Amino acid sequence: MCSNAWESIGHALFTCSHAKSTWKHLGFSMDFRKAQIMHDGDFIFHLSTIHSQPDFELIICTMWAIWSHRNKVLHGGVFKEGQITARFAKDYLGKYHASTTQAHTTPAVTSVSPTAAHTSKKPASRDTPWQPPPASGLKLNVDAAVNATSKTLGVGAIVRDHKGLVVAAISKPVQGCFRSDEMEAKALFHSLNWAIQQQLQVTHIETDALRVFNALIHTSTDLSCFSDLIIDVRCLLSFFPEATISHAMRNANHAAHGLAKHALELDQDICWVGEIPYPIFTTVVNDC
């Protein structure tokens, strides 16, 4: 990577006004001159030598939060103050440590799996259309599609409010060849991770993947790749402790399915905020 590129990264992560404000609110004293002339990541290596492991983990998480915020703003997102980014990075790392600690100390990770109170066990009706969440709620619908020829997984996720209005949506291509159950679990994992990054306060989650839904209800586990994915999904679900997870038939999941199919045509993620994604415009209007 050329020196100009590293200087741009140093500016984005450390010396721009938003980054400086974020580091200030976290209480870190940075040598911004060295950060600005960073080359081959030497400044980041320097930080690893002068900070404790917990502080360095927070630094890495904060760099990710700053970079994510910058990308959102560049793509039309709302600018947020450094104090908000600092609080998000600190909370995210704290919740990550809490969920991973529970996952390694509690059998079958029951502590981070959805409880019976937060999981709808009522069978989904085949004819039931998409239903909006209650007032002030946000519903996340998730689906997956696959192109076996190109070995690409398409992930589709959409968050809507109680009026059916789109809060955010994503079409995400993922390279790899997976079994059908692993594919659906990966779609849920990527969708939850995206919702966390977008800081969406999701209250309801729907998937039409029955095996994934059943695996989240039950606490049994094994050494399969699918079970590993379910454990990862449970860890992410800990960020939405009040969310209700339910199984939906395909008839109630058309919007997410359309975004998943659209992802198979893409080379990189496309995210929509506050607007109806053009590939599923008719679907969303019909749902409303």
C-alpha atoms as a PDB file:
ATOM      1  CA  MET A   1       0.000   0.000   0.000  1.00  0.00           C
ATOM      2  CA  CYS A   2       1.406   3.422  -0.984  1.00  0.00           C
ATOM      3  CA  SER A   3       2.287   6.034   1.623  1.00  0.00           C
ATOM      4  CA  ASN A   4      -0.552   8.339   0.519  1.00  0.00           C
ATOM      5  CA  ALA A   5      -3.066   5.585   1.182  1.00  0.00           C
ATOM      6  CA  TRP A   6      -1.675   5.002   4.682  1.00  0.00           C
ATOM      7  CA  GLU A   7      -1.800   8.734   5.357  1.00  0.00           C
ATOM      8  CA  SER A   8      -5.463   8.752   4.325  1.00  0.00           C
ATOM      9  CA  ILE A   9      -6.163   5.864   6.696  1.00  0.00           C
ATOM     10  CA  GLY A  10      -4.282   7.638   9.479  1.00  0.00           C
ATOM     11  CA  HIS A  11      -6.369  10.745   8.891  1.00  0.00           C
ATOM     12  CA  ALA A  12      -9.663   8.848   8.796  1.00  0.00           C
ATOM     13  CA  LEU A  13      -8.979   6.838  11.957  1.00  0.00           C
ATOM     14  CA  PHE A  14      -7.142   9.365  14.085  1.00  0.00           C
ATOM     15  CA  THR A  15      -6.800  12.961  12.918  1.00  0.00           C
ATOM     16  CA  CYS A  16     -10.122  13.964  11.350  1.00  0.00           C
ATOM     17  CA  SER A  17     -12.395  15.970  13.671  1.00  0.00           C
ATOM     18  CA  HIS A  18     -14.797  13.079  14.302  1.00  0.00           C
ATOM     19  CA  ALA A  19     -11.969  10.659  15.117  1.00  0.00           C
ATOM     20  CA  LYS A  20     -10.253  13.132  17.454  1.00  0.00           C
ATOM     21  CA  SER A  21     -13.521  13.729  19.282  1.00  0.00           C
ATOM     22  CA  THR A  22     -14.078   9.971  19.639  1.00  0.00           C
ATOM     23  CA  TRP A  23     -10.600   9.332  21.089  1.00  0.00           C
ATOM     24  CA  LYS A  24     -11.017  12.274  23.455  1.00  0.00           C
ATOM     25  CA  HIS A  25     -14.274  10.927  24.888  1.00  0.00           C
ATOM     26  CA  LEU A  26     -12.633   7.519  25.447  1.00  0.00           C
ATOM     27  CA  GLY A  27      -9.804   9.166  27.365  1.00  0.00           C
ATOM     28  CA  PHE A  28      -6.997   8.062  25.032  1.00  0.00           C
ATOM     29  CA  SER A  29      -4.101  10.448  24.439  1.00  0.00           C
ATOM     30  CA  MET A  30      -2.944   9.944  20.848  1.00  0.00           C
ATOM     31  CA  ASP A  31       0.165  11.220  19.087  1.00  0.00           C
ATOM     32  CA  PHE A  32      -1.754  12.566  16.122  1.00  0.00           C
ATOM     33  CA  ARG A  33       1.423  13.602  14.301  1.00  0.00           C
ATOM     34  CA  LYS A  34       2.661  10.000  14.215  1.00  0.00           C
ATOM     35  CA  ALA A  35      -0.809   8.772  13.309  1.00  0.00           C
ATOM     36  CA  GLN A  36      -0.983  11.126  10.326  1.00  0.00           C
ATOM     37  CA  ILE A  37       2.294   9.836   8.865  1.00  0.00           C
ATOM     38  CA  MET A  38       1.517   6.179   9.637  1.00  0.00           C
ATOM     39  CA  HIS A  39       3.160   3.718   7.228  1.00  0.00           C
ATOM     40  CA  ASP A  40       2.423  -0.030   6.928  1.00  0.00           C
ATOM     41  CA  GLY A  41       0.400   0.166  10.142  1.00  0.00           C
ATOM     42  CA  ASP A  42       3.458   1.020  12.252  1.00  0.00           C
ATOM     43  CA  PHE A  43       1.482   3.423  14.455  1.00  0.00           C
ATOM     44  CA  ILE A  44      -1.054   0.702  15.288  1.00  0.00           C
ATOM     45  CA  PHE A  45       1.794  -1.657  16.193  1.00  0.00           C
ATOM     46  CA  HIS A  46       3.216   1.126  18.373  1.00  0.00           C
ATOM     47  CA  LEU A  47      -0.118   1.401  20.194  1.00  0.00           C
ATOM     48  CA  SER A  48      -0.070  -2.341  20.904  1.00  0.00           C
ATOM     49  CA  THR A  49       3.278  -1.962  22.685  1.00  0.00           C
ATOM     50  CA  ILE A  50       2.286   0.875  25.010  1.00  0.00           C
ATOM     51  CA  HIS A  51      -1.241  -0.169  26.001  1.00  0.00           C
ATOM     52  CA  SER A  52      -2.599  -3.074  28.018  1.00  0.00           C
ATOM     53  CA  GLN A  53      -4.505  -5.784  26.180  1.00  0.00           C
ATOM     54  CA  PRO A  54      -7.959  -4.526  27.327  1.00  0.00           C
ATOM     55  CA  ASP A  55      -7.113  -0.962  26.231  1.00  0.00           C
ATOM     56  CA  PHE A  56      -5.713  -2.141  22.900  1.00  0.00           C
ATOM     57  CA  GLU A  57      -8.842  -4.208  22.267  1.00  0.00           C
ATOM     58  CA  LEU A  58     -10.906  -1.067  22.856  1.00  0.00           C
ATOM     59  CA  ILE A  59      -8.631   0.857  20.481  1.00  0.00           C
ATOM     60  CA  ILE A  60      -9.138  -1.729  17.720  1.00  0.00           C
ATOM     61  CA  CYS A  61     -12.902  -1.779  18.295  1.00  0.00           C
ATOM     62  CA  THR A  62     -12.976   2.031  18.207  1.00  0.00           C
ATOM     63  CA  MET A  63     -11.032   2.123  14.933  1.00  0.00           C
ATOM     64  CA  TRP A  64     -13.650  -0.202  13.451  1.00  0.00           C
ATOM     65  CA  ALA A  65     -16.488   1.998  14.796  1.00  0.00           C
ATOM     66  CA  ILE A  66     -14.896   5.167  13.390  1.00  0.00           C
ATOM     67  CA  TRP A  67     -14.336   3.554   9.993  1.00  0.00           C
ATOM     68  CA  SER A  68     -17.899   2.183   9.892  1.00  0.00           C
ATOM     69  CA  HIS A  69     -19.336   5.590  10.804  1.00  0.00           C
ATOM     70  CA  ARG A  70     -17.242   7.245   8.087  1.00  0.00           C
ATOM     71  CA  ASN A  71     -18.533   4.794   5.462  1.00  0.00           C
ATOM     72  CA  LYS A  72     -22.135   5.350   6.539  1.00  0.00           C
ATOM     73  CA  VAL A  73     -21.781   9.130   6.217  1.00  0.00           C
ATOM     74  CA  LEU A  74     -20.118   8.784   2.801  1.00  0.00           C
ATOM     75  CA  HIS A  75     -23.108   6.731   1.635  1.00  0.00           C
ATOM     76  CA  GLY A  76     -25.705   9.197   2.872  1.00  0.00           C
ATOM     77  CA  GLY A  77     -25.985   8.215   6.520  1.00  0.00           C
ATOM     78  CA  VAL A  78     -26.474  10.630   9.417  1.00  0.00           C
ATOM     79  CA  PHE A  79     -23.356  12.137  10.994  1.00  0.00           C
ATOM     80  CA  LYS A  80     -23.049  11.362  14.709  1.00  0.00           C
ATOM     81  CA  GLU A  81     -20.920  13.064  17.336  1.00  0.00           C
ATOM     82  CA  GLY A  82     -17.688  11.444  18.508  1.00  0.00           C
ATOM     83  CA  GLN A  83     -19.190  10.892  21.948  1.00  0.00           C
ATOM     84  CA  ILE A  84     -21.837   8.604  20.420  1.00  0.00           C
ATOM     85  CA  THR A  85     -19.235   6.615  18.455  1.00  0.00           C
ATOM     86  CA  ALA A  86     -17.085   6.278  21.586  1.00  0.00           C
ATOM     87  CA  ARG A  87     -20.017   5.008  23.642  1.00  0.00           C
ATOM     88  CA  PHE A  88     -21.019   2.564  20.894  1.00  0.00           C
ATOM     89  CA  ALA A  89     -17.483   1.117  20.643  1.00  0.00           C
ATOM     90  CA  LYS A  90     -17.210   0.712  24.413  1.00  0.00           C
ATOM     91  CA  ASP A  91     -20.667  -0.870  24.734  1.00  0.00           C
ATOM     92  CA  TYR A  92     -20.080  -3.167  21.751  1.00  0.00           C
ATOM     93  CA  LEU A  93     -16.817  -4.487  23.176  1.00  0.00           C
ATOM     94  CA  GLY A  94     -18.357  -4.931  26.611  1.00  0.00           C
ATOM     95  CA  LYS A  95     -21.298  -6.914  25.239  1.00  0.00           C
ATOM     96  CA  TYR A  96     -18.955  -8.995  23.082  1.00  0.00           C
ATOM     97  CA  HIS A  97     -16.846  -9.958  26.092  1.00  0.00           C
ATOM     98  CA  ALA A  98     -19.955 -10.725  28.144  1.00  0.00           C
ATOM     99  CA  SER A  99     -21.482 -12.951  25.461  1.00  0.00           C
ATOM    100  CA  THR A 100     -18.269 -14.848  24.691  1.00  0.00           C
ATOM    101  CA  THR A 101     -17.581 -15.414  28.395  1.00  0.00           C
ATOM    102  CA  GLN A 102     -21.075 -16.824  28.875  1.00  0.00           C
ATOM    103  CA  ALA A 103     -20.733 -18.946  25.736  1.00  0.00           C
ATOM    104  CA  HIS A 104     -17.590 -20.617  27.089  1.00  0.00           C
ATOM    105  CA  THR A 105     -18.759 -21.082  30.671  1.00  0.00           C
ATOM    106  CA  THR A 106     -22.399 -22.101  30.295  1.00  0.00           C
ATOM    107  CA  PRO A 107     -23.324 -25.513  28.818  1.00  0.00           C
ATOM    108  CA  ALA A 108     -25.044 -25.242  25.426  1.00  0.00           C
ATOM    109  CA  VAL A 109     -24.795 -21.425  25.657  1.00  0.00           C
ATOM    110  CA  THR A 110     -28.260 -21.236  27.160  1.00  0.00           C
ATOM    111  CA  SER A 111     -27.374 -17.889  28.722  1.00  0.00           C
ATOM    112  CA  VAL A 112     -27.231 -16.158  25.350  1.00  0.00           C
ATOM    113  CA  SER A 113     -29.840 -18.166  23.509  1.00  0.00           C
ATOM    114  CA  PRO A 114     -33.340 -16.698  23.196  1.00  0.00           C
ATOM    115  CA  THR A 115     -35.452 -17.639  26.197  1.00  0.00           C
ATOM    116  CA  ALA A 116     -38.915 -19.112  25.906  1.00  0.00           C
ATOM    117  CA  ALA A 117     -40.320 -15.665  26.681  1.00  0.00           C
ATOM    118  CA  HIS A 118     -38.508 -14.167  23.721  1.00  0.00           C
ATOM    119  CA  THR A 119     -39.156 -16.916  21.197  1.00  0.00           C
ATOM    120  CA  SER A 120     -42.441 -17.481  19.433  1.00  0.00           C
ATOM    121  CA  LYS A 121     -43.146 -21.224  19.200  1.00  0.00           C
ATOM    122  CA  LYS A 122     -46.475 -20.805  17.424  1.00  0.00           C
ATOM    123  CA  PRO A 123     -46.372 -22.506  14.004  1.00  0.00           C
ATOM    124  CA  ALA A 124     -46.408 -20.072  11.126  1.00  0.00           C
ATOM    125  CA  SER A 125     -49.428 -20.186   8.848  1.00  0.00           C
ATOM    126  CA  ARG A 126     -48.631 -20.728   5.172  1.00  0.00           C
ATOM    127  CA  ASP A 127     -51.131 -18.051   4.099  1.00  0.00           C
ATOM    128  CA  THR A 128     -50.165 -15.373   6.632  1.00  0.00           C
ATOM    129  CA  PRO A 129     -48.656 -12.294   4.926  1.00  0.00           C
ATOM    130  CA  TRP A 130     -45.970 -10.112   6.448  1.00  0.00           C
ATOM    131  CA  GLN A 131     -47.187  -8.391   9.607  1.00  0.00           C
ATOM    132  CA  PRO A 132     -45.690  -5.160  10.995  1.00  0.00           C
ATOM    133  CA  PRO A 133     -44.378  -5.055  14.571  1.00  0.00           C
ATOM    134  CA  PRO A 134     -46.273  -3.234  17.336  1.00  0.00           C
ATOM    135  CA  ALA A 135     -45.930   0.530  17.679  1.00  0.00           C
ATOM    136  CA  SER A 136     -42.335   1.646  18.362  1.00  0.00           C
ATOM    137  CA  GLY A 137     -41.077  -1.805  17.326  1.00  0.00           C
ATOM    138  CA  LEU A 138     -38.661  -2.713  14.526  1.00  0.00           C
ATOM    139  CA  LYS A 139     -38.902  -6.024  12.678  1.00  0.00           C
ATOM    140  CA  LEU A 140     -35.923  -7.650  10.973  1.00  0.00           C
ATOM    141  CA  ASN A 141     -36.659 -10.144   8.183  1.00  0.00           C
ATOM    142  CA  VAL A 142     -33.805 -12.331   6.922  1.00  0.00           C
ATOM    143  CA  ASP A 143     -33.340 -14.724   4.033  1.00  0.00           C
ATOM    144  CA  ALA A 144     -30.647 -16.408   1.932  1.00  0.00           C
ATOM    145  CA  ALA A 145     -30.227 -17.380  -1.716  1.00  0.00           C
ATOM    146  CA  VAL A 146     -27.440 -19.268  -3.446  1.00  0.00           C
ATOM    147  CA  ASN A 147     -25.781 -19.446  -6.850  1.00  0.00           C
ATOM    148  CA  ALA A 148     -24.159 -22.873  -6.931  1.00  0.00           C
ATOM    149  CA  THR A 149     -22.262 -22.097 -10.141  1.00  0.00           C
ATOM    150  CA  SER A 150     -20.429 -19.069  -8.771  1.00  0.00           C
ATOM    151  CA  LYS A 151     -20.453 -20.463  -5.222  1.00  0.00           C
ATOM    152  CA  THR A 152     -22.003 -17.268  -3.912  1.00  0.00           C
ATOM    153  CA  LEU A 153     -24.382 -16.875  -0.984  1.00  0.00           C
ATOM    154  CA  GLY A 154     -26.821 -13.991  -1.170  1.00  0.00           C
ATOM    155  CA  VAL A 155     -27.934 -12.480   2.139  1.00  0.00           C
ATOM    156  CA  GLY A 156     -31.000 -10.273   2.319  1.00  0.00           C
ATOM    157  CA  ALA A 157     -32.179  -8.355   5.375  1.00  0.00           C
ATOM    158  CA  ILE A 158     -34.752  -5.627   5.853  1.00  0.00           C
ATOM    159  CA  VAL A 159     -35.854  -3.686   8.935  1.00  0.00           C
ATOM    160  CA  ARG A 160     -39.298  -2.066   8.956  1.00  0.00           C
ATOM    161  CA  ASP A 161     -41.314  -0.164  11.556  1.00  0.00           C
ATOM    162  CA  HIS A 162     -44.924  -0.540  12.700  1.00  0.00           C
ATOM    163  CA  LYS A 163     -46.165   1.358   9.639  1.00  0.00           C
ATOM    164  CA  GLY A 164     -44.281  -0.908   7.269  1.00  0.00           C
ATOM    165  CA  LEU A 165     -41.791   1.837   6.401  1.00  0.00           C
ATOM    166  CA  VAL A 166     -38.272   0.713   5.574  1.00  0.00           C
ATOM    167  CA  VAL A 167     -35.743   1.788   8.195  1.00  0.00           C
ATOM    168  CA  ALA A 168     -32.783   0.014   6.582  1.00  0.00           C
ATOM    169  CA  ALA A 169     -32.062  -2.907   4.257  1.00  0.00           C
ATOM    170  CA  ILE A 170     -29.074  -4.735   2.819  1.00  0.00           C
ATOM    171  CA  SER A 171     -28.157  -7.080  -0.023  1.00  0.00           C
ATOM    172  CA  LYS A 172     -24.884  -8.813   0.811  1.00  0.00           C
ATOM    173  CA  PRO A 173     -22.964 -11.304  -1.367  1.00  0.00           C
ATOM    174  CA  VAL A 174     -20.810 -13.828   0.507  1.00  0.00           C
ATOM    175  CA  GLN A 175     -18.336 -16.110  -1.236  1.00  0.00           C
ATOM    176  CA  GLY A 176     -18.414 -19.769  -0.295  1.00  0.00           C
ATOM    177  CA  CYS A 177     -20.311 -23.013  -0.736  1.00  0.00           C
ATOM    178  CA  PHE A 178     -22.508 -24.062   2.176  1.00  0.00           C
ATOM    179  CA  ARG A 179     -25.169 -26.602   3.054  1.00  0.00           C
ATOM    180  CA  SER A 180     -28.719 -25.245   3.071  1.00  0.00           C
ATOM    181  CA  ASP A 181     -28.981 -25.080   6.872  1.00  0.00           C
ATOM    182  CA  GLU A 182     -25.520 -23.469   7.182  1.00  0.00           C
ATOM    183  CA  MET A 183     -26.482 -20.995   4.473  1.00  0.00           C
ATOM    184  CA  GLU A 184     -29.558 -19.834   6.385  1.00  0.00           C
ATOM    185  CA  ALA A 185     -27.613 -19.640   9.670  1.00  0.00           C
ATOM    186  CA  LYS A 186     -24.902 -17.552   7.984  1.00  0.00           C
ATOM    187  CA  ALA A 187     -27.562 -15.236   6.578  1.00  0.00           C
ATOM    188  CA  LEU A 188     -28.962 -14.650  10.066  1.00  0.00           C
ATOM    189  CA  PHE A 189     -25.456 -14.135  11.470  1.00  0.00           C
ATOM    190  CA  HIS A 190     -24.520 -11.521   8.850  1.00  0.00           C
ATOM    191  CA  SER A 191     -27.893  -9.789   9.186  1.00  0.00           C
ATOM    192  CA  LEU A 192     -27.644  -9.484  12.971  1.00  0.00           C
ATOM    193  CA  ASN A 193     -24.067  -8.236  12.699  1.00  0.00           C
ATOM    194  CA  TRP A 194     -25.213  -5.614  10.190  1.00  0.00           C
ATOM    195  CA  ALA A 195     -28.091  -4.523  12.457  1.00  0.00           C
ATOM    196  CA  ILE A 196     -25.629  -4.089  15.340  1.00  0.00           C
ATOM    197  CA  GLN A 197     -23.320  -1.973  13.184  1.00  0.00           C
ATOM    198  CA  GLN A 198     -26.284   0.155  12.095  1.00  0.00           C
ATOM    199  CA  GLN A 199     -27.293   0.495  15.768  1.00  0.00           C
ATOM    200  CA  LEU A 200     -30.834  -0.645  14.976  1.00  0.00           C
ATOM    201  CA  GLN A 201     -32.922  -1.421  18.047  1.00  0.00           C
ATOM    202  CA  VAL A 202     -34.586  -4.497  16.566  1.00  0.00           C
ATOM    203  CA  THR A 203     -37.501  -5.895  18.608  1.00  0.00           C
ATOM    204  CA  HIS A 204     -38.713  -8.681  16.295  1.00  0.00           C
ATOM    205  CA  ILE A 205     -36.729 -11.085  14.096  1.00  0.00           C
ATOM    206  CA  GLU A 206     -38.240 -13.377  11.473  1.00  0.00           C
ATOM    207  CA  THR A 207     -36.663 -16.149   9.419  1.00  0.00           C
ATOM    208  CA  ASP A 208     -38.264 -18.733   7.166  1.00  0.00           C
ATOM    209  CA  ALA A 209     -35.466 -21.221   7.968  1.00  0.00           C
ATOM    210  CA  LEU A 210     -37.274 -23.704  10.214  1.00  0.00           C
ATOM    211  CA  ARG A 211     -34.180 -25.702  11.195  1.00  0.00           C
ATOM    212  CA  VAL A 212     -32.324 -22.548  12.234  1.00  0.00           C
ATOM    213  CA  PHE A 213     -35.337 -21.414  14.247  1.00  0.00           C
ATOM    214  CA  ASN A 214     -35.646 -24.803  15.982  1.00  0.00           C
ATOM    215  CA  ALA A 215     -31.904 -24.864  16.734  1.00  0.00           C
ATOM    216  CA  LEU A 216     -32.220 -21.480  18.439  1.00  0.00           C
ATOM    217  CA  ILE A 217     -35.125 -22.713  20.571  1.00  0.00           C
ATOM    218  CA  HIS A 218     -33.352 -25.839  21.795  1.00  0.00           C
ATOM    219  CA  THR A 219     -30.128 -25.851  23.804  1.00  0.00           C
ATOM    220  CA  SER A 220     -28.579 -29.048  22.461  1.00  0.00           C
ATOM    221  CA  THR A 221     -25.349 -28.737  20.510  1.00  0.00           C
ATOM    222  CA  ASP A 222     -22.785 -30.910  18.729  1.00  0.00           C
ATOM    223  CA  LEU A 223     -19.470 -30.514  16.919  1.00  0.00           C
ATOM    224  CA  SER A 224     -20.926 -29.696  13.487  1.00  0.00           C
ATOM    225  CA  CYS A 225     -20.294 -26.481  11.566  1.00  0.00           C
ATOM    226  CA  PHE A 226     -24.019 -25.752  11.807  1.00  0.00           C
ATOM    227  CA  SER A 227     -23.916 -25.857  15.614  1.00  0.00           C
ATOM    228  CA  ASP A 228     -20.898 -23.548  15.593  1.00  0.00           C
ATOM    229  CA  LEU A 229     -22.886 -21.082  13.502  1.00  0.00           C
ATOM    230  CA  ILE A 230     -25.845 -21.307  15.874  1.00  0.00           C
ATOM    231  CA  ILE A 231     -23.522 -20.505  18.789  1.00  0.00           C
ATOM    232  CA  ASP A 232     -22.264 -17.440  16.895  1.00  0.00           C
ATOM    233  CA  VAL A 233     -25.845 -16.356  16.176  1.00  0.00           C
ATOM    234  CA  ARG A 234     -26.756 -16.732  19.861  1.00  0.00           C
ATOM    235  CA  CYS A 235     -23.839 -14.507  20.812  1.00  0.00           C
ATOM    236  CA  LEU A 236     -25.111 -11.794  18.467  1.00  0.00           C
ATOM    237  CA  LEU A 237     -28.656 -12.219  19.767  1.00  0.00           C
ATOM    238  CA  SER A 238     -27.383 -11.155  23.188  1.00  0.00           C
ATOM    239  CA  PHE A 239     -27.221  -7.628  21.738  1.00  0.00           C
ATOM    240  CA  PHE A 240     -31.023  -7.788  21.348  1.00  0.00           C
ATOM    241  CA  PRO A 241     -32.112  -9.158  24.754  1.00  0.00           C
ATOM    242  CA  GLU A 242     -35.752  -8.061  24.316  1.00  0.00           C
ATOM    243  CA  ALA A 243     -36.166  -9.240  20.720  1.00  0.00           C
ATOM    244  CA  THR A 244     -38.746 -11.870  19.823  1.00  0.00           C
ATOM    245  CA  ILE A 245     -37.594 -14.462  17.272  1.00  0.00           C
ATOM    246  CA  SER A 246     -40.183 -16.264  15.198  1.00  0.00           C
ATOM    247  CA  HIS A 247     -40.511 -18.535  12.185  1.00  0.00           C
ATOM    248  CA  ALA A 248     -42.276 -17.121   9.125  1.00  0.00           C
ATOM    249  CA  MET A 249     -43.435 -18.865   5.982  1.00  0.00           C
ATOM    250  CA  ARG A 250     -42.004 -17.697   2.647  1.00  0.00           C
ATOM    251  CA  ASN A 251     -45.214 -15.778   1.946  1.00  0.00           C
ATOM    252  CA  ALA A 252     -44.321 -13.427   4.822  1.00  0.00           C
ATOM    253  CA  ASN A 253     -40.670 -13.134   3.846  1.00  0.00           C
ATOM    254  CA  HIS A 254     -40.785 -12.037   0.197  1.00  0.00           C
ATOM    255  CA  ALA A 255     -38.936  -8.763   0.795  1.00  0.00           C
ATOM    256  CA  ALA A 256     -35.895 -10.389   2.419  1.00  0.00           C
ATOM    257  CA  HIS A 257     -35.915 -13.123  -0.234  1.00  0.00           C
ATOM    258  CA  GLY A 258     -35.875 -10.514  -3.009  1.00  0.00           C
ATOM    259  CA  LEU A 259     -32.879  -8.794  -1.431  1.00  0.00           C
ATOM    260  CA  ALA A 260     -31.073 -12.127  -1.073  1.00  0.00           C
ATOM    261  CA  LYS A 261     -31.608 -12.909  -4.777  1.00  0.00           C
ATOM    262  CA  HIS A 262     -30.447  -9.411  -5.715  1.00  0.00           C
ATOM    263  CA  ALA A 263     -27.247  -9.951  -3.714  1.00  0.00           C
ATOM    264  CA  LEU A 264     -26.270 -12.743  -6.124  1.00  0.00           C
ATOM    265  CA  GLU A 265     -25.914 -10.091  -8.850  1.00  0.00           C
ATOM    266  CA  LEU A 266     -23.568  -7.901  -6.802  1.00  0.00           C
ATOM    267  CA  ASP A 267     -19.825  -7.696  -6.224  1.00  0.00           C
ATOM    268  CA  GLN A 268     -20.193  -5.831  -2.936  1.00  0.00           C
ATOM    269  CA  ASP A 269     -22.805  -4.951  -0.315  1.00  0.00           C
ATOM    270  CA  ILE A 270     -25.575  -2.451  -1.027  1.00  0.00           C
ATOM    271  CA  CYS A 271     -27.283  -0.825   1.925  1.00  0.00           C
ATOM    272  CA  TRP A 272     -30.414   1.325   1.879  1.00  0.00           C
ATOM    273  CA  VAL A 273     -31.357   3.638   4.746  1.00  0.00           C
ATOM    274  CA  GLY A 274     -34.806   5.198   4.999  1.00  0.00           C
ATOM    275  CA  GLU A 275     -35.851   4.217   1.478  1.00  0.00           C
ATOM    276  CA  ILE A 276     -37.449   1.281  -0.286  1.00  0.00           C
ATOM    277  CA  PRO A 277     -34.785  -0.811  -2.071  1.00  0.00           C
ATOM    278  CA  TYR A 278     -35.484  -0.653  -5.797  1.00  0.00           C
ATOM    279  CA  PRO A 279     -35.281  -4.457  -6.349  1.00  0.00           C
ATOM    280  CA  ILE A 280     -38.222  -5.057  -3.986  1.00  0.00           C
ATOM    281  CA  PHE A 281     -40.239  -1.845  -4.357  1.00  0.00           C
ATOM    282  CA  THR A 282     -43.442  -3.615  -5.380  1.00  0.00           C
ATOM    283  CA  THR A 283     -43.070  -6.242  -2.656  1.00  0.00           C
ATOM    284  CA  VAL A 284     -42.713  -3.662   0.107  1.00  0.00           C
ATOM    285  CA  VAL A 285     -45.671  -1.632  -1.183  1.00  0.00           C
ATOM    286  CA  ASN A 286     -47.828  -4.773  -1.333  1.00  0.00           C
ATOM    287  CA  ASP A 287     -46.773  -5.741   2.211  1.00  0.00           C
ATOM    288  CA  CYS A 288     -47.922  -2.366   3.468  1.00  0.00           C
END
